[in-house]
Amino acid sequence: MDVKRLMKTYSPTRVMGALRRRGSAYVRKLQYHPGRTKQLENAVLFESHRGSMVGCNPLDIFLELKATHPEIKLYWAVGKGLSAPQGSHAVEFGSGPYLRALATSKWLVNNTNFPWYFRKVEGQVYLQTWHGTPLKRLARDIATNYLTKSYLDTMDREASFWDYLITPNEFCTVILPNAFGFNGQVIESGYPRNDRLTTATAKDRQRIRESIGVSDPSVNLVLYAPTWRDFKRTATGKWDTVNFMDPNIELPEGFKMMFRGHSNTIDAHTAKVAGNSIDVTTYPDVTDLYIAADVLVTDYSSVMFDYTVTGKPIMFLAPDLERYRAERGFYFDFENEAPGPILEDDNEVLAALGRLDSLSNQYVDKYRAWQQKFNDLEDGKASKRVVKRVWG
C-alpha cells in the first residue's frame, strides 16, 4: 500500500468515525444476549444489507415462506424510514427488539453479515443467500486485498455459522464456498430474487414504471447501475459514490435514464450524483427496476448476471477496467465473455443506445452462452426449492 493511500485510509476523520461506529456497536453488544433463551421462538429473522433495504433474495424467500408456512412468525430488520413487508414484524436494525430476534429466532436469513458481535446459538439455523454472482474476486480470493482485516475476520467467523449457502448456478457453487471458507450445505437453486424476472407480466412492468414517474410505455428506460470501488472513499471513510456518466447527459429522443447507486455508497449519495436521471438508488427492490428497464448499463456489478435473465440488451461502461482488474481481479475473461459492448465513456454509451438492434444481433451468440452458463436455473421456482430444502 503506497504512502498516499495509507494516509487517506488512516486519516484522523476516518479514524474518529470508525471509533464512533465501533462505540455504538459495543453498546449494542452489551444488550445482545445469545443463549439466554432455553427455547427458541418459531420465527425467522430476515435481513438484507444490514437493514438498509427490503429486497434481494431474503424478500422472495420471505414471500414464499409467508404463503406456505403461516405458522412461523416472520421478523424483518429495517433501517430508519423503511417499512417491513406486509405480513412481517418490523424490528429496527440495532434496536433492542432486533437484538432479541437475533438471539431467539430459530431461523436467520441474511444476504450479507450480521453485526460483528453476532454468535449463533445452539438450535439456530442460518441460511446465507449472498447477493450476487461475482465477476470480481471475493474475500480470500482477492490477491491485492484492500478489505480490512476486521472485515475478513468477520467473514471467516460468519461463514462458520452458516448452515446453508444459496448459489444461483454451478459457477458459484465452485467459487463461493472456497472464497468464504464455507464447508456446509450448498443449495444450488437459482436466485430467489430472480423468480419474478420470469413471471412478471406486462401489467407488472407498467405498474412499476408508473411508480417511478414513467407512464408512457413507449419510453426506453435505461438503468445505469455501477458498483462501488474499493479505492474510492470519502474523507469520513464512507464508500464514495460512482457515476461515469455526465449527470446532465442528454439521451437520444425517446430514452430516459434511471440511476441506481450501490448499496455500499448510500451514505455518501446525493441527488447531484444522479443528475437529471430518475434517482432510484433508494428504490426498495432492484428486481422491479430490471422489469421496468429496456436496457442496462453497468460495469462490474453482479446486476449483469441477474439482468440477463430478462434477455434484454446490456452494455458495460468501464473506463477504469485495467485498474479494477489489476487491483481486484476477475474470476473469468470478462472482455471475451461479456454479452454486450465494453465502453470507455458516456459518448460511446450514447452511440450504442442509437443502435440497440444491431448490437443485440452482434452479441446474440455471447448472450446465449452467458445465459447458459449463469442463468440456466432461473425458471421462476428458486424460492420454492430453497423453502422446501430448509423448512420442508
Protein backbone atom coordinates (compact mmCIF):
# COMPACT_ATOMS: atom_id res chain seq x y z
CA MET A 1 0.00 0.00 0.00
CA ASP A 2 1.52 3.37 -1.00
CA VAL A 3 2.01 6.24 1.47
CA LYS A 4 -0.73 8.39 -0.05
CA ARG A 5 -3.28 5.59 0.25
CA LEU A 6 -2.09 4.80 3.78
CA MET A 7 -2.56 8.43 4.87
CA LYS A 8 -6.05 8.50 3.37
CA THR A 9 -7.00 5.16 4.91
CA TYR A 10 -5.98 6.26 8.40
CA SER A 11 -6.86 9.96 8.26
CA PRO A 12 -7.98 11.46 11.62
CA THR A 13 -11.52 11.98 10.33
CA ARG A 14 -11.86 8.38 9.25
CA VAL A 15 -10.32 7.01 12.44
CA MET A 16 -12.69 9.09 14.62
CA GLY A 17 -15.66 7.98 12.52
CA ALA A 18 -14.65 4.35 12.91
CA LEU A 19 -14.26 4.75 16.67
CA ARG A 20 -17.73 6.30 16.96
CA ARG A 21 -19.29 3.46 14.97
CA ARG A 22 -17.41 0.88 17.00
CA GLY A 23 -18.51 2.54 20.25
CA SER A 24 -22.17 2.33 19.23
CA ALA A 25 -21.69 -1.30 18.30
CA TYR A 26 -20.22 -2.08 21.73
CA VAL A 27 -23.32 -0.60 23.37
CA ARG A 28 -25.47 -2.92 21.25
CA LYS A 29 -23.23 -5.87 22.10
CA LEU A 30 -23.97 -5.33 25.80
CA GLN A 31 -27.70 -5.53 25.02
CA TYR A 32 -27.33 -8.71 22.95
CA HIS A 33 -27.79 -11.91 24.96
CA PRO A 34 -27.41 -15.03 22.82
CA GLY A 35 -28.10 -18.29 24.64
CA ARG A 36 -30.23 -16.88 27.45
CA THR A 37 -33.44 -18.29 25.98
CA LYS A 38 -33.88 -22.00 26.63
CA GLN A 39 -36.40 -22.45 23.82
CA LEU A 40 -36.01 -20.63 20.51
CA GLU A 41 -39.02 -18.86 19.01
CA ASN A 42 -40.69 -20.45 15.98
CA ALA A 43 -39.66 -17.44 13.95
CA VAL A 44 -37.42 -16.24 11.12
CA LEU A 45 -35.37 -13.04 11.17
CA PHE A 46 -34.83 -11.65 7.66
CA GLU A 47 -32.14 -9.09 6.96
CA SER A 48 -30.85 -7.52 3.74
CA HIS A 49 -27.72 -5.35 3.61
CA ARG A 50 -27.75 -4.53 7.33
CA GLY A 51 -31.34 -3.29 7.23
CA SER A 52 -30.70 -0.72 4.51
CA MET A 53 -33.19 -2.35 2.14
CA VAL A 54 -36.12 -4.75 1.97
CA GLY A 55 -35.27 -6.83 -1.06
CA CYS A 56 -32.79 -9.20 -2.66
CA ASN A 57 -33.03 -12.96 -2.06
CA PRO A 58 -34.39 -12.68 1.51
CA LEU A 59 -37.52 -10.89 0.24
CA ASP A 60 -38.54 -13.61 -2.21
CA ILE A 61 -37.82 -16.33 0.34
CA PHE A 62 -39.99 -14.37 2.78
CA LEU A 63 -42.85 -14.19 0.27
CA GLU A 64 -42.72 -17.93 -0.37
CA LEU A 65 -42.46 -18.76 3.33
CA LYS A 66 -45.36 -16.45 4.19
CA ALA A 67 -47.55 -18.28 1.67
CA THR A 68 -46.54 -21.81 2.66
CA HIS A 69 -45.76 -21.67 6.40
CA PRO A 70 -48.26 -19.31 8.10
CA GLU A 71 -47.46 -20.89 11.48
CA ILE A 72 -44.00 -19.27 11.51
CA LYS A 73 -43.53 -15.73 12.82
CA LEU A 74 -41.59 -13.52 10.42
CA TYR A 75 -39.36 -10.62 11.51
CA TRP A 76 -37.72 -8.06 9.19
CA ALA A 77 -34.72 -5.95 10.16
CA VAL A 78 -35.22 -2.45 8.75
CA GLY A 79 -33.30 0.79 8.94
CA LYS A 80 -34.89 4.08 9.96
CA GLY A 81 -37.53 5.23 7.49
CA LEU A 82 -38.03 1.79 5.94
CA SER A 83 -41.20 -0.28 6.23
CA ALA A 84 -41.21 -4.04 6.65
CA PRO A 85 -43.20 -6.04 4.08
CA GLN A 86 -46.83 -6.86 4.83
CA GLY A 87 -47.16 -9.98 6.95
CA SER A 88 -43.96 -9.41 8.91
CA HIS A 89 -42.98 -7.78 12.18
CA ALA A 90 -40.57 -4.85 11.78
CA VAL A 91 -37.54 -4.64 14.09
CA GLU A 92 -35.30 -1.62 13.68
CA PHE A 93 -31.73 -2.67 12.90
CA GLY A 94 -29.59 -2.48 16.04
CA SER A 95 -32.54 -1.90 18.40
CA GLY A 96 -33.45 -3.96 21.45
CA PRO A 97 -36.22 -5.87 19.60
CA TYR A 98 -33.75 -6.59 16.79
CA LEU A 99 -31.17 -7.97 19.19
CA ARG A 100 -33.81 -10.16 20.85
CA ALA A 101 -34.96 -11.50 17.49
CA LEU A 102 -31.34 -12.16 16.50
CA ALA A 103 -30.75 -14.09 19.72
CA THR A 104 -34.02 -16.05 19.88
CA SER A 105 -35.31 -16.73 16.32
CA LYS A 106 -34.91 -20.34 15.23
CA TRP A 107 -34.05 -19.34 11.64
CA LEU A 108 -31.88 -16.50 10.38
CA VAL A 109 -31.82 -15.37 6.74
CA ASN A 110 -29.30 -12.79 5.54
CA ASN A 111 -27.64 -11.75 2.27
CA THR A 112 -24.50 -10.39 3.96
CA ASN A 113 -23.06 -10.32 7.50
CA PHE A 114 -24.82 -9.88 10.79
CA PRO A 115 -23.04 -7.44 13.20
CA TRP A 116 -19.55 -8.46 14.33
CA TYR A 117 -20.79 -9.39 17.82
CA PHE A 118 -23.31 -11.95 16.47
CA ARG A 119 -23.00 -15.51 17.76
CA LYS A 120 -25.23 -18.32 16.54
CA VAL A 121 -26.77 -20.21 19.44
CA GLU A 122 -27.49 -23.92 19.62
CA GLY A 123 -30.55 -24.84 17.58
CA GLN A 124 -30.47 -21.82 15.28
CA VAL A 125 -30.39 -22.40 11.51
CA TYR A 126 -28.62 -19.75 9.43
CA LEU A 127 -29.43 -19.50 5.72
CA GLN A 128 -26.93 -17.30 3.86
CA THR A 129 -28.29 -16.19 0.48
CA TRP A 130 -25.39 -13.92 -0.54
CA HIS A 131 -26.19 -11.20 -3.06
CA GLY A 132 -24.83 -11.93 -6.49
CA THR A 133 -22.83 -13.99 -8.93
CA PRO A 134 -19.31 -12.50 -8.80
CA LEU A 135 -17.22 -11.23 -11.67
CA LYS A 136 -14.80 -9.59 -9.23
CA ARG A 137 -12.89 -11.73 -6.76
CA LEU A 138 -14.23 -12.01 -3.24
CA ALA A 139 -12.80 -12.30 0.28
CA ARG A 140 -9.98 -14.90 0.35
CA ASP A 141 -9.65 -14.78 -3.44
CA ILE A 142 -8.57 -11.12 -3.62
CA ALA A 143 -4.83 -11.19 -4.25
CA THR A 144 -4.24 -7.46 -3.67
CA ASN A 145 -6.52 -7.19 -0.70
CA TYR A 146 -7.89 -3.73 0.16
CA LEU A 147 -10.51 -5.16 2.50
CA THR A 148 -9.80 -4.55 6.17
CA LYS A 149 -8.61 -7.35 8.43
CA SER A 150 -11.68 -6.84 10.61
CA TYR A 151 -13.95 -7.40 7.59
CA LEU A 152 -12.12 -10.57 6.60
CA ASP A 153 -12.18 -11.84 10.19
CA THR A 154 -15.92 -11.14 10.31
CA MET A 155 -16.44 -13.05 7.05
CA ASP A 156 -14.48 -16.06 8.34
CA ARG A 157 -16.46 -16.08 11.58
CA GLU A 158 -19.78 -15.62 9.79
CA ALA A 159 -19.14 -18.43 7.34
CA SER A 160 -18.51 -20.76 10.27
CA PHE A 161 -22.08 -20.02 11.44
CA TRP A 162 -23.81 -20.67 8.10
CA ASP A 163 -25.79 -23.88 7.78
CA TYR A 164 -26.78 -23.29 4.16
CA LEU A 165 -25.40 -21.16 1.34
CA ILE A 166 -27.54 -20.47 -1.74
CA THR A 167 -25.83 -20.43 -5.12
CA PRO A 168 -27.56 -19.40 -8.37
CA ASN A 169 -25.51 -21.58 -10.71
CA GLU A 170 -22.75 -24.18 -10.92
CA PHE A 171 -20.14 -21.43 -11.39
CA CYS A 172 -20.97 -20.01 -7.94
CA THR A 173 -21.11 -23.46 -6.38
CA VAL A 174 -17.44 -23.83 -7.29
CA ILE A 175 -16.38 -20.25 -6.41
CA LEU A 176 -18.25 -19.11 -3.29
CA PRO A 177 -17.53 -21.83 -0.69
CA ASN A 178 -13.79 -21.50 -1.29
CA ALA A 179 -13.88 -17.68 -1.25
CA PHE A 180 -15.67 -17.68 2.11
CA GLY A 181 -14.09 -20.78 3.64
CA PHE A 182 -17.54 -22.40 3.90
CA ASN A 183 -17.84 -26.14 4.47
CA GLY A 184 -21.59 -26.51 4.99
CA GLN A 185 -24.51 -27.36 2.70
CA VAL A 186 -24.81 -25.57 -0.64
CA ILE A 187 -28.26 -25.11 -2.20
CA GLU A 188 -27.72 -24.69 -5.94
CA SER A 189 -31.19 -23.39 -6.72
CA GLY A 190 -31.05 -20.31 -8.91
CA TYR A 191 -31.58 -16.99 -7.18
CA PRO A 192 -34.93 -16.43 -5.42
CA ARG A 193 -34.73 -12.71 -6.26
CA ASN A 194 -34.82 -13.60 -9.96
CA ASP A 195 -38.07 -15.56 -9.82
CA ARG A 196 -40.11 -12.51 -10.72
CA LEU A 197 -37.99 -11.86 -13.81
CA THR A 198 -39.59 -14.86 -15.46
CA THR A 199 -43.09 -14.48 -14.00
CA ALA A 200 -43.67 -10.70 -14.27
CA THR A 201 -46.43 -9.58 -16.64
CA ALA A 202 -46.79 -6.52 -18.88
CA LYS A 203 -49.16 -5.13 -16.25
CA ASP A 204 -46.47 -5.54 -13.57
CA ARG A 205 -43.97 -3.74 -15.78
CA GLN A 206 -46.30 -0.81 -16.41
CA ARG A 207 -47.18 -0.53 -12.71
CA ILE A 208 -43.52 -0.33 -11.76
CA ARG A 209 -42.74 2.24 -14.45
CA GLU A 210 -45.65 4.44 -13.36
CA SER A 211 -44.47 4.24 -9.73
CA ILE A 212 -41.24 6.00 -10.74
CA GLY A 213 -42.99 8.55 -12.97
CA VAL A 214 -42.83 6.92 -16.41
CA SER A 215 -46.37 6.40 -17.68
CA ASP A 216 -45.60 6.30 -21.42
CA PRO A 217 -44.95 2.63 -22.34
CA SER A 218 -43.03 3.71 -25.45
CA VAL A 219 -40.23 5.36 -23.44
CA ASN A 220 -36.99 3.36 -23.50
CA LEU A 221 -35.80 3.17 -19.91
CA VAL A 222 -32.05 2.85 -19.37
CA LEU A 223 -30.96 1.52 -15.98
CA TYR A 224 -27.46 2.72 -15.06
CA ALA A 225 -26.19 0.71 -12.08
CA PRO A 226 -22.43 0.97 -11.36
CA THR A 227 -20.82 -0.89 -8.48
CA TRP A 228 -18.66 0.58 -5.70
CA ARG A 229 -14.87 0.91 -5.75
CA ASP A 230 -12.50 -0.43 -3.09
CA PHE A 231 -10.22 2.54 -3.75
CA LYS A 232 -12.84 5.31 -3.61
CA ARG A 233 -13.78 6.68 -0.19
CA THR A 234 -14.97 9.97 1.26
CA ALA A 235 -12.94 11.93 3.82
CA THR A 236 -15.01 10.37 6.62
CA GLY A 237 -14.29 6.83 5.46
CA LYS A 238 -17.56 6.03 3.70
CA TRP A 239 -17.56 4.32 0.32
CA ASP A 240 -17.86 7.13 -2.20
CA THR A 241 -20.40 7.34 -5.00
CA VAL A 242 -19.61 6.23 -8.56
CA ASN A 243 -21.02 7.75 -11.75
CA PHE A 244 -19.06 7.78 -15.01
CA MET A 245 -21.92 9.45 -16.87
CA ASP A 246 -22.26 13.21 -17.15
CA PRO A 247 -25.02 13.78 -14.54
CA ASN A 248 -26.79 16.07 -17.00
CA ILE A 249 -26.32 13.87 -20.06
CA GLU A 250 -28.94 14.19 -22.80
CA LEU A 251 -30.04 10.79 -24.06
CA PRO A 252 -31.39 10.15 -27.57
CA GLU A 253 -35.02 11.05 -28.15
CA GLY A 254 -37.37 8.50 -26.60
CA PHE A 255 -34.88 7.42 -23.89
CA LYS A 256 -34.90 8.13 -20.16
CA MET A 257 -32.32 7.07 -17.59
CA MET A 258 -32.66 5.61 -14.09
CA PHE A 259 -29.62 5.89 -11.82
CA ARG A 260 -29.07 3.18 -9.21
CA GLY A 261 -26.21 3.78 -6.78
CA HIS A 262 -24.73 0.75 -4.99
CA SER A 263 -25.96 -0.14 -1.50
CA ASN A 264 -22.43 0.39 -0.14
CA THR A 265 -22.44 4.04 -1.28
CA ILE A 266 -25.89 5.06 0.02
CA ASP A 267 -24.41 7.02 2.95
CA ALA A 268 -22.49 9.25 0.51
CA HIS A 269 -25.29 9.52 -2.07
CA THR A 270 -26.86 12.86 -3.02
CA ALA A 271 -29.35 13.90 -5.69
CA LYS A 272 -26.47 15.63 -7.51
CA VAL A 273 -24.91 12.25 -8.31
CA ALA A 274 -27.95 11.14 -10.29
CA GLY A 275 -28.29 14.49 -12.09
CA ASN A 276 -31.32 14.63 -14.37
CA SER A 277 -31.82 10.87 -14.25
CA ILE A 278 -34.60 9.28 -12.21
CA ASP A 279 -32.84 8.58 -8.93
CA VAL A 280 -33.77 5.01 -7.94
CA THR A 281 -30.86 4.46 -5.53
CA THR A 282 -33.22 4.00 -2.59
CA TYR A 283 -35.97 2.23 -4.53
CA PRO A 284 -36.78 -0.77 -2.31
CA ASP A 285 -36.29 -3.61 -4.78
CA VAL A 286 -33.86 -3.60 -7.72
CA THR A 287 -35.64 -6.57 -9.32
CA ASP A 288 -38.54 -4.24 -10.11
CA LEU A 289 -36.11 -1.98 -11.94
CA TYR A 290 -34.89 -4.83 -14.15
CA ILE A 291 -38.51 -5.48 -15.11
CA ALA A 292 -39.11 -1.79 -15.84
CA ALA A 293 -35.91 -1.23 -17.83
CA ASP A 294 -35.31 -1.76 -21.54
CA VAL A 295 -31.51 -1.74 -21.39
CA LEU A 296 -28.90 -1.99 -18.62
CA VAL A 297 -25.64 -0.04 -18.35
CA THR A 298 -23.33 -1.33 -15.63
CA ASP A 299 -19.63 -2.00 -15.08
CA TYR A 300 -18.53 -4.92 -12.85
CA SER A 301 -21.69 -5.24 -10.76
CA SER A 302 -23.42 -8.56 -10.22
CA VAL A 303 -26.58 -6.94 -11.62
CA MET A 304 -25.26 -8.09 -15.01
CA PHE A 305 -25.94 -11.74 -14.13
CA ASP A 306 -29.49 -11.12 -12.93
CA TYR A 307 -30.48 -8.76 -15.70
CA THR A 308 -29.61 -11.21 -18.49
CA VAL A 309 -32.40 -13.48 -17.23
CA THR A 310 -34.69 -10.96 -18.98
CA GLY A 311 -32.95 -11.33 -22.36
CA LYS A 312 -32.84 -7.54 -22.75
CA PRO A 313 -29.75 -5.62 -24.03
CA ILE A 314 -26.82 -4.87 -21.74
CA MET A 315 -23.68 -2.75 -22.07
CA PHE A 316 -20.72 -2.02 -19.81
CA LEU A 317 -19.34 1.46 -19.06
CA ALA A 318 -15.92 0.59 -17.64
CA PRO A 319 -13.32 3.35 -18.13
CA ASP A 320 -11.22 2.04 -15.22
CA LEU A 321 -11.19 -1.57 -16.41
CA GLU A 322 -7.41 -2.01 -16.34
CA ARG A 323 -7.05 -0.65 -12.81
CA TYR A 324 -10.06 -2.54 -11.47
CA ARG A 325 -8.94 -5.84 -12.94
CA ALA A 326 -5.37 -5.34 -11.67
CA GLU A 327 -6.38 -4.36 -8.13
CA ARG A 328 -9.47 -6.52 -7.55
CA GLY A 329 -9.12 -9.34 -10.06
CA PHE A 330 -11.76 -11.24 -12.07
CA TYR A 331 -12.92 -14.84 -11.96
CA PHE A 332 -13.14 -15.18 -15.75
CA ASP A 333 -12.21 -13.47 -19.01
CA PHE A 334 -14.68 -10.60 -18.85
CA GLU A 335 -13.77 -8.98 -22.18
CA ASN A 336 -14.09 -12.24 -24.07
CA GLU A 337 -17.37 -13.41 -22.49
CA ALA A 338 -19.26 -10.13 -21.94
CA PRO A 339 -22.76 -10.30 -23.54
CA GLY A 340 -22.58 -6.67 -24.63
CA PRO A 341 -20.07 -3.95 -25.57
CA ILE A 342 -17.48 -2.67 -23.06
CA LEU A 343 -17.39 1.12 -23.42
CA GLU A 344 -14.89 3.83 -22.42
CA ASP A 345 -17.10 6.89 -21.88
CA ASP A 346 -20.65 8.20 -21.97
CA ASN A 347 -20.34 9.31 -25.61
CA GLU A 348 -19.88 5.66 -26.53
CA VAL A 349 -22.95 4.84 -24.45
CA LEU A 350 -25.00 7.36 -26.43
CA ALA A 351 -23.78 5.88 -29.70
CA ALA A 352 -24.60 2.37 -28.53
CA LEU A 353 -28.12 3.37 -27.49
CA GLY A 354 -28.64 4.66 -31.00
CA ARG A 355 -28.02 1.20 -32.48
CA LEU A 356 -29.50 -1.21 -29.95
CA ASP A 357 -30.98 -3.56 -32.55
CA SER A 358 -27.69 -4.09 -34.35
CA LEU A 359 -25.87 -4.51 -31.02
CA SER A 360 -28.30 -7.21 -29.96
CA ASN A 361 -27.67 -9.08 -33.20
CA GLN A 362 -23.91 -8.65 -32.83
CA TYR A 363 -23.87 -10.20 -29.35
CA VAL A 364 -26.58 -12.84 -29.73
CA ASP A 365 -24.17 -15.82 -29.51
CA LYS A 366 -22.27 -14.46 -26.49
CA TYR A 367 -25.56 -13.58 -24.81
CA ARG A 368 -26.89 -17.14 -25.22
CA ALA A 369 -23.61 -18.64 -23.96
CA TRP A 370 -23.73 -16.30 -20.94
CA GLN A 371 -27.32 -17.30 -20.13
CA GLN A 372 -26.45 -20.98 -20.38
CA LYS A 373 -23.51 -20.52 -18.00
CA PHE A 374 -25.13 -18.26 -15.43
CA ASN A 375 -28.94 -18.33 -15.85
CA ASP A 376 -29.82 -21.94 -16.62
CA LEU A 377 -31.59 -22.48 -13.25
CA GLU A 378 -33.65 -19.28 -13.41
CA ASP A 379 -37.10 -20.76 -14.03
CA GLY A 380 -39.13 -18.76 -11.51
CA LYS A 381 -39.10 -21.55 -8.88
CA ALA A 382 -35.88 -20.91 -6.93
CA SER A 383 -37.74 -19.67 -3.83
CA LYS A 384 -39.81 -22.84 -3.74
CA ARG A 385 -36.69 -25.00 -3.95
CA VAL A 386 -34.99 -23.11 -1.12
CA VAL A 387 -38.01 -23.14 1.21
CA LYS A 388 -38.60 -26.84 0.60
CA ARG A 389 -34.95 -27.62 1.39
CA VAL A 390 -34.71 -25.56 4.59
CA TRP A 391 -38.25 -25.63 6.00
CA GLY A 392 -39.69 -28.76 4.39
